[in-house]
Protein backbone atom coordinates (compact mmCIF):
# COMPACT_ATOMS: atom_id res chain seq x y z
CA MET A 1 -39.97 81.71 15.55
CA VAL A 2 -41.89 83.71 12.92
CA ALA A 3 -42.26 82.17 9.49
CA ALA A 4 -40.97 84.28 6.63
CA ALA A 5 -43.67 85.82 4.49
CA LYS A 6 -44.00 84.36 1.01
CA PRO A 7 -42.90 86.76 -1.73
CA TRP A 8 -45.66 88.34 -3.80
CA VAL A 9 -46.28 86.59 -7.13
CA PRO A 10 -48.47 88.16 -9.84
CA ASP A 11 -51.60 86.40 -11.06
CA ARG A 12 -53.40 86.29 -14.41
CA GLN A 13 -55.18 89.56 -15.39
CA GLU A 14 -53.13 91.69 -12.98
CA VAL A 15 -51.29 94.70 -14.33
CA ILE A 16 -47.66 94.97 -13.24
CA TRP A 17 -44.95 97.49 -14.08
CA ILE A 18 -41.83 96.27 -15.91
CA ASP A 19 -38.72 98.33 -16.59
CA CYS A 20 -37.94 97.76 -20.29
CA ASN A 21 -34.40 99.18 -20.04
CA PRO A 22 -31.98 98.57 -21.56
CA GLN A 23 -33.53 98.59 -25.00
CA ALA A 24 -32.22 98.59 -28.55
CA GLY A 25 -33.56 100.18 -31.70
CA ARG A 26 -37.32 100.83 -31.63
CA GLU A 27 -38.11 98.52 -28.70
CA MET A 28 -40.07 99.89 -25.75
CA ARG A 29 -37.98 101.61 -23.14
CA ASP A 30 -38.55 102.80 -19.58
CA PRO A 31 -41.21 101.43 -17.21
CA HIS A 32 -44.48 100.21 -18.80
CA PRO A 33 -47.51 98.34 -17.49
CA PHE A 34 -47.84 94.68 -18.52
CA VAL A 35 -50.99 92.53 -18.42
CA VAL A 36 -50.15 89.16 -16.85
CA LEU A 37 -51.37 86.19 -18.92
CA SER A 38 -49.90 83.30 -16.95
CA PRO A 39 -51.57 82.01 -13.76
CA ARG A 40 -50.00 82.55 -10.33
CA ALA A 41 -49.20 78.82 -9.90
CA PHE A 42 -47.14 78.84 -13.12
CA ASN A 43 -45.41 82.11 -12.21
CA GLU A 44 -44.52 80.82 -8.75
CA ARG A 45 -43.20 77.43 -9.91
CA THR A 46 -41.18 78.73 -12.86
CA SER A 47 -40.16 82.22 -11.65
CA LEU A 48 -41.35 83.35 -15.09
CA VAL A 49 -44.25 85.69 -15.88
CA ILE A 50 -45.83 85.71 -19.33
CA GLY A 51 -47.51 88.97 -20.22
CA LEU A 52 -48.15 91.65 -22.81
CA PRO A 53 -46.99 95.27 -22.70
CA MET A 54 -49.44 98.16 -22.56
CA THR A 55 -49.02 101.65 -23.93
CA THR A 56 -50.98 104.84 -24.56
CA ALA A 57 -49.06 105.71 -27.75
CA GLU A 58 -51.80 106.68 -30.22
CA TYR A 59 -49.94 105.41 -33.29
CA ASN A 60 -50.90 101.89 -32.11
CA ALA A 61 -54.62 102.51 -32.75
CA ASP A 62 -54.40 101.13 -36.32
CA ASN A 63 -52.09 98.23 -35.51
CA PRO A 64 -53.87 94.90 -36.29
CA PHE A 65 -52.02 93.21 -33.41
CA VAL A 66 -53.24 95.60 -30.72
CA VAL A 67 -56.23 95.28 -28.38
CA MET A 68 -57.71 98.48 -27.00
CA ALA A 69 -58.03 98.12 -23.24
CA GLY A 70 -60.20 101.14 -22.57
CA SER A 71 -59.44 104.59 -21.27
CA ALA A 72 -57.26 105.26 -18.29
CA LYS A 73 -58.17 107.82 -15.65
CA THR A 74 -56.43 110.38 -17.84
CA GLY A 75 -58.95 109.81 -20.65
CA LYS A 76 -56.30 108.39 -22.99
CA ALA A 77 -56.87 105.03 -24.65
CA SER A 78 -54.66 102.15 -23.50
CA TYR A 79 -53.43 99.54 -25.96
CA VAL A 80 -52.23 95.99 -25.26
CA LEU A 81 -49.53 95.00 -27.75
CA CYS A 82 -50.10 91.39 -28.86
CA HIS A 83 -47.23 90.91 -31.32
């Protein structure tokens, strides 16, 4: 008998893609990368992942609650939204 493989669980500092649909008003929509903040052990035990969304929308550059995460391969700046 072959043991079933454990499902993949994200770990802190990994970037995962989350589909933000459906959305309302000015909330993010469509798939976006998220930086995982919570450790794998927490995510596995609670089935909950705590993270922050990322975007390349340039209007976020002046937002005081945004951390610039560097440039992607495309040369565009990436922003982590912390609000």
